[in-house]
Structure formats: C-alpha cells, structure tokens
C-alpha cells in the first residue's frame, strides 16, 4: 500500500532568517529624520550612510538594513543640499547689504 505524498509545509523552503542589520542602521536613519528639523545633522547622515551602504554592499548579503540606511542617506543628502543653498543665500544677502551700505 502506498501513501500519497504529504502536502508541502508553510513558508518558503530554503530561506533562513534575514541577516542582522548593520550596526549603524538605526543611527543613520535617526540622523536622517532629525536632519529634517535640524539641518546640521544632514551631512553626518550623508557621510555615515554612504559608509554603511559601502559596508553592506561589500558584505555579500551577510549584513542587512540597506533600506533603512538608504532612507537616512537620502534624507541626509536632501537636507545637506538645502543647508548649502540656505548658507549661500545668507552670504548673498550679506554681500548685498555690504554693497548697499557702501554705496549709500
């Protein structure tokens, strides 16, 4: 007497648990979010995010957390650009004020 083949189990066979996140994943994400309110944190999120992304890519899949690092990295880039534009505008208006005061 032969028995039918049992139904397959639940889940996806062959997949183990996800790899652990990079140690700086949360730090980069928090710095990116905080930089929306305090733009000084933007360059730090940008630099730390780039370093963490390079380490995640070099790990060959043994380190995770890429999506959260990418979010913090992009927020750091955006707020850094806004900060640079703001500083350029301040310098421009200071120069205009000095030129206007000198010509008056």
N, C-alpha and C. Protein backbone atom coordinates (compact mmCIF):
# COMPACT_ATOMS: atom_id res chain seq x y z
N UNK A 1 0.84 -1.16 0.00
CA UNK A 1 0.00 0.00 0.00
C UNK A 1 0.89 1.24 0.00
N UNK A 2 0.62 2.15 -0.89
CA UNK A 2 1.44 3.37 -0.95
C UNK A 2 0.61 4.56 -0.46
N UNK A 3 1.27 5.41 0.23
CA UNK A 3 0.60 6.61 0.76
C UNK A 3 0.89 7.79 -0.17
N UNK A 4 -0.05 8.74 -0.25
CA UNK A 4 0.20 9.91 -1.12
C UNK A 4 1.29 10.81 -0.52
N UNK A 5 1.89 11.56 -1.38
CA UNK A 5 2.93 12.49 -0.94
C UNK A 5 2.30 13.54 -0.02
N UNK A 6 2.94 13.83 1.11
CA UNK A 6 2.36 14.84 2.02
C UNK A 6 2.40 16.22 1.38
N UNK A 7 1.47 17.09 1.76
CA UNK A 7 1.47 18.45 1.19
C UNK A 7 2.70 19.22 1.67
N UNK A 8 3.13 20.17 0.86
CA UNK A 8 4.31 20.94 1.28
C UNK A 8 4.00 21.77 2.52
N UNK A 9 5.03 22.07 3.28
CA UNK A 9 4.86 22.86 4.50
C UNK A 9 4.64 24.32 4.18
N UNK A 10 4.42 25.08 5.22
CA UNK A 10 4.19 26.51 5.04
C UNK A 10 5.52 27.25 4.90
N UNK A 11 5.44 28.43 4.32
CA UNK A 11 6.63 29.26 4.17
C UNK A 11 7.38 28.93 2.90
N UNK A 12 8.53 29.52 2.78
CA UNK A 12 9.37 29.33 1.61
C UNK A 12 10.54 28.45 1.99
N UNK A 13 10.64 27.29 1.38
CA UNK A 13 11.75 26.40 1.73
C UNK A 13 13.08 26.97 1.25
N UNK A 14 14.11 26.76 2.02
CA UNK A 14 15.43 27.20 1.61
C UNK A 14 15.82 28.57 2.09
N UNK A 15 14.89 29.31 2.66
CA UNK A 15 15.20 30.65 3.14
C UNK A 15 15.34 30.62 4.65
N UNK A 16 16.43 31.14 5.12
CA UNK A 16 16.67 31.19 6.55
C UNK A 16 16.24 32.54 7.10
N UNK A 17 16.62 32.81 8.30
CA UNK A 17 16.28 34.12 8.88
C UNK A 17 17.03 35.23 8.15
N UNK A 18 16.49 36.45 8.18
CA UNK A 18 17.18 37.55 7.50
C UNK A 18 18.50 37.87 8.19
N UNK A 19 19.45 38.42 7.44
CA UNK A 19 20.74 38.75 8.06
C UNK A 19 20.57 39.88 9.08
N UNK A 20 21.47 39.96 10.04
CA UNK A 20 21.37 41.04 11.03
C UNK A 20 21.64 42.39 10.37
N UNK A 21 21.02 43.44 10.92
CA UNK A 21 21.21 44.78 10.38
C UNK A 21 22.62 45.30 10.68
N UNK A 22 23.05 46.21 9.86
CA UNK A 22 24.34 46.88 10.07
C UNK A 22 24.27 47.62 11.41
N UNK A 23 25.35 47.68 12.17
CA UNK A 23 25.30 48.33 13.49
C UNK A 23 24.89 49.80 13.45
N UNK A 24 25.11 50.49 12.34
CA UNK A 24 24.78 51.91 12.26
C UNK A 24 23.47 52.18 11.54
N UNK A 25 22.68 51.16 11.29
CA UNK A 25 21.43 51.34 10.57
C UNK A 25 20.50 52.32 11.28
N UNK A 26 20.27 52.10 12.54
CA UNK A 26 19.36 52.97 13.29
C UNK A 26 19.93 54.37 13.43
N UNK A 27 21.23 54.49 13.64
CA UNK A 27 21.85 55.80 13.80
C UNK A 27 21.69 56.64 12.54
N UNK A 28 21.94 56.04 11.38
CA UNK A 28 21.82 56.77 10.12
C UNK A 28 20.36 57.18 9.88
N UNK A 29 19.44 56.26 10.15
CA UNK A 29 18.02 56.57 9.95
C UNK A 29 17.58 57.70 10.87
N UNK A 30 17.97 57.64 12.14
CA UNK A 30 17.57 58.69 13.09
C UNK A 30 18.21 60.03 12.71
N UNK A 31 19.48 60.02 12.32
CA UNK A 31 20.12 61.27 11.90
C UNK A 31 19.44 61.85 10.66
N UNK A 32 19.03 61.00 9.73
CA UNK A 32 18.33 61.48 8.55
C UNK A 32 17.00 62.11 8.89
N UNK A 33 16.26 61.50 9.81
CA UNK A 33 14.97 62.05 10.21
C UNK A 33 15.15 63.34 11.01
N UNK A 34 16.11 63.35 11.93
CA UNK A 34 16.36 64.54 12.74
C UNK A 34 16.84 65.69 11.86
N UNK A 35 17.54 65.38 10.77
CA UNK A 35 18.04 66.44 9.90
C UNK A 35 16.92 67.20 9.21
N UNK A 36 15.72 66.64 9.18
CA UNK A 36 14.58 67.39 8.64
C UNK A 36 14.24 68.58 9.52
N UNK A 37 14.56 68.49 10.80
CA UNK A 37 14.25 69.55 11.75
C UNK A 37 15.50 70.35 12.13
N UNK A 38 16.65 69.73 12.05
CA UNK A 38 17.93 70.37 12.38
C UNK A 38 18.90 69.98 11.26
N UNK A 39 19.04 70.86 10.29
CA UNK A 39 19.79 70.54 9.07
C UNK A 39 21.26 70.26 9.32
N UNK A 40 21.78 70.63 10.47
CA UNK A 40 23.19 70.36 10.78
C UNK A 40 23.46 68.86 10.81
N UNK A 41 22.47 68.04 11.11
CA UNK A 41 22.64 66.59 11.16
C UNK A 41 22.70 65.96 9.77
N UNK A 42 22.29 66.70 8.74
CA UNK A 42 22.25 66.16 7.38
C UNK A 42 23.58 65.65 6.87
N UNK A 43 24.66 66.44 6.96
CA UNK A 43 25.94 65.93 6.46
C UNK A 43 26.43 64.69 7.21
N UNK A 44 26.12 64.60 8.50
CA UNK A 44 26.52 63.41 9.26
C UNK A 44 25.77 62.17 8.77
N UNK A 45 24.47 62.33 8.51
CA UNK A 45 23.68 61.21 7.97
C UNK A 45 24.19 60.82 6.59
N UNK A 46 24.58 61.80 5.80
CA UNK A 46 25.08 61.56 4.46
C UNK A 46 26.37 60.74 4.51
N UNK A 47 27.33 61.19 5.30
CA UNK A 47 28.64 60.52 5.36
C UNK A 47 28.53 59.14 6.00
N UNK A 48 27.83 59.06 7.14
CA UNK A 48 27.69 57.76 7.81
C UNK A 48 26.88 56.79 6.95
N UNK A 49 25.86 57.31 6.25
CA UNK A 49 25.04 56.46 5.39
C UNK A 49 25.83 55.89 4.23
N UNK A 50 26.68 56.72 3.61
CA UNK A 50 27.50 56.24 2.50
C UNK A 50 28.46 55.15 2.96
N UNK A 51 29.06 55.37 4.13
CA UNK A 51 30.00 54.38 4.66
C UNK A 51 29.27 53.06 4.96
N UNK A 52 28.09 53.15 5.58
CA UNK A 52 27.32 51.95 5.92
C UNK A 52 26.85 51.23 4.65
N UNK A 53 26.42 51.99 3.64
CA UNK A 53 25.99 51.35 2.38
C UNK A 53 27.15 50.61 1.72
N UNK A 54 28.34 51.20 1.73
CA UNK A 54 29.51 50.52 1.16
C UNK A 54 29.82 49.24 1.91
N UNK A 55 29.71 49.28 3.24
CA UNK A 55 29.98 48.08 4.03
C UNK A 55 28.92 47.01 3.81
N UNK A 56 27.65 47.41 3.66
CA UNK A 56 26.57 46.44 3.40
C UNK A 56 26.79 45.79 2.04
N UNK A 57 27.14 46.60 1.03
CA UNK A 57 27.36 46.05 -0.30
C UNK A 57 28.56 45.11 -0.33
N UNK A 58 29.59 45.42 0.43
CA UNK A 58 30.80 44.59 0.45
C UNK A 58 30.60 43.30 1.25
N UNK A 59 29.55 43.24 2.07
CA UNK A 59 29.36 42.07 2.92
C UNK A 59 28.84 40.85 2.15
N UNK A 60 28.33 41.05 0.97
CA UNK A 60 27.84 39.93 0.18
C UNK A 60 26.55 39.32 0.71
N UNK A 61 25.74 40.12 1.36
CA UNK A 61 24.45 39.63 1.85
C UNK A 61 24.46 39.15 3.28
N UNK A 62 25.59 39.26 3.96
CA UNK A 62 25.63 38.81 5.35
C UNK A 62 25.21 39.90 6.33
N UNK A 63 25.08 41.13 5.84
CA UNK A 63 24.64 42.26 6.67
C UNK A 63 23.44 42.89 5.99
N UNK A 64 22.39 43.15 6.76
CA UNK A 64 21.17 43.73 6.21
C UNK A 64 20.99 45.17 6.65
N UNK A 65 19.77 45.67 6.49
CA UNK A 65 19.42 47.02 6.89
C UNK A 65 19.64 48.05 5.81
N UNK A 66 19.80 47.61 4.57
CA UNK A 66 20.10 48.52 3.46
C UNK A 66 19.00 49.55 3.24
N UNK A 67 17.75 49.15 3.34
CA UNK A 67 16.66 50.09 3.04
C UNK A 67 16.60 51.21 4.07
N UNK A 68 16.78 50.90 5.34
CA UNK A 68 16.76 51.94 6.37
C UNK A 68 17.97 52.87 6.24
N UNK A 69 19.12 52.31 5.92
CA UNK A 69 20.31 53.14 5.72
C UNK A 69 20.11 54.04 4.51
N UNK A 70 19.49 53.50 3.45
CA UNK A 70 19.27 54.29 2.25
C UNK A 70 18.33 55.47 2.52
N UNK A 71 17.31 55.25 3.35
CA UNK A 71 16.39 56.34 3.69
C UNK A 71 17.14 57.45 4.43
N UNK A 72 17.92 57.09 5.44
CA UNK A 72 18.70 58.08 6.17
C UNK A 72 19.72 58.78 5.29
N UNK A 73 20.34 58.04 4.39
CA UNK A 73 21.32 58.59 3.46
C UNK A 73 20.70 59.63 2.54
N UNK A 74 19.56 59.30 1.96
CA UNK A 74 18.88 60.23 1.04
C UNK A 74 18.39 61.47 1.79
N UNK A 75 17.82 61.27 2.98
CA UNK A 75 17.41 62.43 3.77
C UNK A 75 18.61 63.31 4.11
N UNK A 76 19.74 62.71 4.40
CA UNK A 76 20.95 63.47 4.68
C UNK A 76 21.41 64.28 3.48
N UNK A 77 21.34 63.69 2.28
CA UNK A 77 21.72 64.41 1.07
C UNK A 77 20.77 65.59 0.83
N UNK A 78 19.47 65.34 0.94
CA UNK A 78 18.49 66.39 0.68
C UNK A 78 18.66 67.55 1.65
N UNK A 79 18.77 67.25 2.94
CA UNK A 79 18.89 68.33 3.91
C UNK A 79 20.25 69.03 3.81
N UNK A 80 21.29 68.31 3.39
CA UNK A 80 22.58 68.96 3.20
C UNK A 80 22.53 69.94 2.03
N UNK A 81 21.86 69.56 0.96
CA UNK A 81 21.72 70.47 -0.18
C UNK A 81 20.91 71.70 0.22
N UNK A 82 19.84 71.49 0.97
CA UNK A 82 19.04 72.62 1.43
C UNK A 82 19.87 73.53 2.34
N UNK A 83 20.67 72.94 3.21
CA UNK A 83 21.53 73.72 4.10
C UNK A 83 22.55 74.53 3.30
N UNK A 84 23.15 73.93 2.30
CA UNK A 84 24.12 74.65 1.47
C UNK A 84 23.44 75.80 0.74
N UNK A 85 22.27 75.56 0.17
CA UNK A 85 21.54 76.64 -0.51
C UNK A 85 21.18 77.77 0.45
N UNK A 86 20.78 77.40 1.66
CA UNK A 86 20.45 78.41 2.66
C UNK A 86 21.68 79.24 3.02
N UNK A 87 22.81 78.60 3.22
CA UNK A 87 24.04 79.32 3.56
C UNK A 87 24.48 80.23 2.41
N UNK A 88 24.34 79.76 1.18
CA UNK A 88 24.66 80.61 0.02
C UNK A 88 23.75 81.82 -0.05
N UNK A 89 22.47 81.63 0.26
CA UNK A 89 21.53 82.76 0.26
C UNK A 89 21.89 83.76 1.34
N UNK A 90 22.27 83.29 2.52
CA UNK A 90 22.67 84.20 3.60
C UNK A 90 23.91 84.99 3.19
N UNK A 91 24.90 84.33 2.63
CA UNK A 91 26.11 85.03 2.19
C UNK A 91 25.77 86.04 1.10
N UNK A 92 24.90 85.68 0.18
CA UNK A 92 24.49 86.59 -0.90
C UNK A 92 23.83 87.84 -0.33
N UNK A 93 22.93 87.68 0.63
CA UNK A 93 22.25 88.84 1.21
C UNK A 93 23.19 89.69 2.06
N UNK A 94 24.16 89.07 2.70
CA UNK A 94 25.15 89.84 3.45
C UNK A 94 26.01 90.67 2.50
N UNK A 95 26.41 90.06 1.39
CA UNK A 95 27.18 90.80 0.39
C UNK A 95 26.35 91.94 -0.17
N UNK A 96 25.09 91.70 -0.46
CA UNK A 96 24.22 92.78 -0.96
C UNK A 96 24.08 93.90 0.07
N UNK A 97 23.98 93.54 1.34
CA UNK A 97 23.85 94.56 2.39
C UNK A 97 25.14 95.37 2.50
N UNK A 98 26.29 94.73 2.37
CA UNK A 98 27.55 95.45 2.44
C UNK A 98 27.71 96.39 1.24
N UNK A 99 27.34 95.89 0.07
CA UNK A 99 27.43 96.73 -1.15
C UNK A 99 26.45 97.90 -1.04
N UNK A 100 25.25 97.62 -0.54
CA UNK A 100 24.26 98.71 -0.39
C UNK A 100 24.69 99.73 0.64
N UNK A 101 25.31 99.28 1.73
CA UNK A 101 25.77 100.22 2.76
C UNK A 101 26.97 101.03 2.25
N UNK A 102 27.82 100.43 1.45
CA UNK A 102 29.00 101.12 0.95
C UNK A 102 28.62 102.16 -0.09
N UNK A 103 27.58 101.90 -0.86
CA UNK A 103 27.20 102.84 -1.92
C UNK A 103 26.31 103.97 -1.40
N UNK A 104 25.80 103.84 -0.19
CA UNK A 104 24.90 104.87 0.33
C UNK A 104 25.61 106.03 0.95
